Structures are given as C-alpha cells and as structure tokens.
C-alpha cells in the first residue's frame, strides 16, 4: 500500500490534519531545543564568571540569563519553578561572592 502523501514518508501519520500536527511538532521541537540551548549558555556564562570570582561580570551575565530563563519557562520549555530556582541559586551565589 502506498501512502497518500509520499513527501511525508517519515511520519507515521496518514491523515492531512495528523500530518500538519507532525510538521508543527517538528518545528516546535526545533524551536524549543534552540531556546533551551541558548538559556543553558546564558546560565553557563554566569557560572563561569562566578568560578572566576568576578562578581561584576556575574551580575551582568545574570541580568541577561534571568529574562532568558523566564522566557523559557513562559514558553513551557522549562518548568516555571525550575527557572525560578536557577535564578535564585545564581543570585545567592553572586551575593555570597560580593561579601
């Protein structure tokens, strides 16, 4: 039996609406992966500054990482409380570094 839509042989779906949902899922997955990767990179910059004992650079990096974490949580890529906990722990580490 040949599929009705040969250009979508990679999908299990065989109904137009199911094919559309599969395409949307692929695009969403790609977007979410990129968003999560960018957020992780922002957090790593804060951690690198903390490891270098540079409070000013860590604080500047946190100012960029915090909105990235919030955006990731708002979009549903990361749980809201996970993002909040990460921000809180990074801010706490910066505060102890300043002392």
Protein backbone atom coordinates (compact mmCIF):
# COMPACT_ATOMS: atom_id res chain seq x y z
CA UNK A 1 0.00 0.00 0.00
CA UNK A 2 1.44 3.38 -0.97
CA UNK A 3 0.95 6.35 1.33
CA UNK A 4 -1.39 9.10 0.20
CA UNK A 5 1.27 11.71 0.88
CA UNK A 6 4.66 10.32 -0.27
CA UNK A 7 6.52 13.53 0.64
CA UNK A 8 5.78 12.78 4.31
CA UNK A 9 7.02 9.19 4.45
CA UNK A 10 8.97 9.98 7.60
CA UNK A 11 5.73 10.48 9.55
CA UNK A 12 3.57 7.69 10.81
CA UNK A 13 0.51 9.90 10.26
CA UNK A 14 -1.52 9.40 7.09
CA UNK A 15 -4.29 11.97 7.54
CA UNK A 16 -3.87 15.61 6.46
CA UNK A 17 -4.54 17.05 9.94
CA UNK A 18 -2.24 14.50 11.58
CA UNK A 19 0.50 15.34 9.07
CA UNK A 20 0.11 19.01 9.88
CA UNK A 21 0.37 18.30 13.61
CA UNK A 22 3.51 16.23 12.96
CA UNK A 23 5.07 19.11 10.98
CA UNK A 24 4.16 21.55 13.73
CA UNK A 25 5.65 19.23 16.35
CA UNK A 26 8.95 19.08 14.45
CA UNK A 27 9.13 22.87 14.16
CA UNK A 28 8.19 23.32 17.81
CA UNK A 29 10.79 20.77 18.88
CA UNK A 30 13.48 22.58 16.93
CA UNK A 31 12.49 25.96 18.40
CA UNK A 32 12.33 24.58 21.95
CA UNK A 33 15.72 22.91 21.61
CA UNK A 34 17.30 26.17 20.40
CA UNK A 35 15.63 28.16 23.18
CA UNK A 36 16.78 25.71 25.87
CA UNK A 37 20.31 25.67 24.47
CA UNK A 38 20.52 29.48 24.50
CA UNK A 39 19.25 29.55 28.08
CA UNK A 40 21.80 26.98 29.19
CA UNK A 41 24.56 29.02 27.55
CA UNK A 42 23.42 32.14 29.40
CA UNK A 43 23.48 30.25 32.72
CA UNK A 44 26.95 28.86 31.93
CA UNK A 45 28.25 32.42 31.40
CA UNK A 46 27.06 33.35 34.90
CA UNK A 47 28.66 30.23 36.35
CA UNK A 48 31.93 30.91 34.52
CA UNK A 49 32.03 34.44 35.96
CA UNK A 50 31.31 33.03 39.42
CA UNK A 51 34.13 30.49 39.05
CA UNK A 52 36.46 33.32 38.02
CA UNK A 53 35.35 35.19 41.20
CA UNK A 54 34.23 38.16 39.08
CA UNK A 55 31.11 39.48 40.82
CA UNK A 56 30.53 42.35 38.38
CA UNK A 57 30.67 40.08 35.32
CA UNK A 58 28.49 37.50 37.06
CA UNK A 59 25.89 40.15 37.88
CA UNK A 60 25.91 41.43 34.29
CA UNK A 61 25.57 37.88 32.96
CA UNK A 62 22.70 37.20 35.38
CA UNK A 63 20.88 40.26 34.05
CA UNK A 64 20.89 38.51 30.64
CA UNK A 65 20.26 35.00 31.96
CA UNK A 66 17.26 35.88 34.13
CA UNK A 67 15.00 37.04 31.25
CA UNK A 68 16.15 34.07 29.17
CA UNK A 69 15.13 31.69 31.97
CA UNK A 70 11.81 33.49 32.42
CA UNK A 71 11.11 33.32 28.68
CA UNK A 72 11.97 29.62 28.60
CA UNK A 73 9.55 29.00 31.47
CA UNK A 74 6.83 31.16 29.95
CA UNK A 75 7.02 29.24 26.68
CA UNK A 76 6.69 25.94 28.55
CA UNK A 77 10.13 24.64 27.61
CA UNK A 78 11.21 24.61 31.24
CA UNK A 79 9.03 24.42 34.32
CA UNK A 80 8.36 27.75 35.99
CA UNK A 81 9.69 26.71 39.39
CA UNK A 82 12.84 25.21 37.85
CA UNK A 83 13.65 28.53 36.19
CA UNK A 84 12.89 30.43 39.39
CA UNK A 85 15.10 28.09 41.41
CA UNK A 86 18.01 28.53 38.98
CA UNK A 87 17.76 32.34 39.15
CA UNK A 88 17.53 32.23 42.94
CA UNK A 89 20.55 29.99 43.34
CA UNK A 90 22.68 32.03 40.94
CA UNK A 91 21.70 35.28 42.70
CA UNK A 92 22.54 33.71 46.05
CA UNK A 93 25.99 32.69 44.79
CA UNK A 94 26.62 36.21 43.49
CA UNK A 95 25.56 37.68 46.82
CA UNK A 96 27.96 35.44 48.75
CA UNK A 97 30.76 36.32 46.30
CA UNK A 98 30.26 40.05 46.98
CA UNK A 99 30.83 39.61 50.74
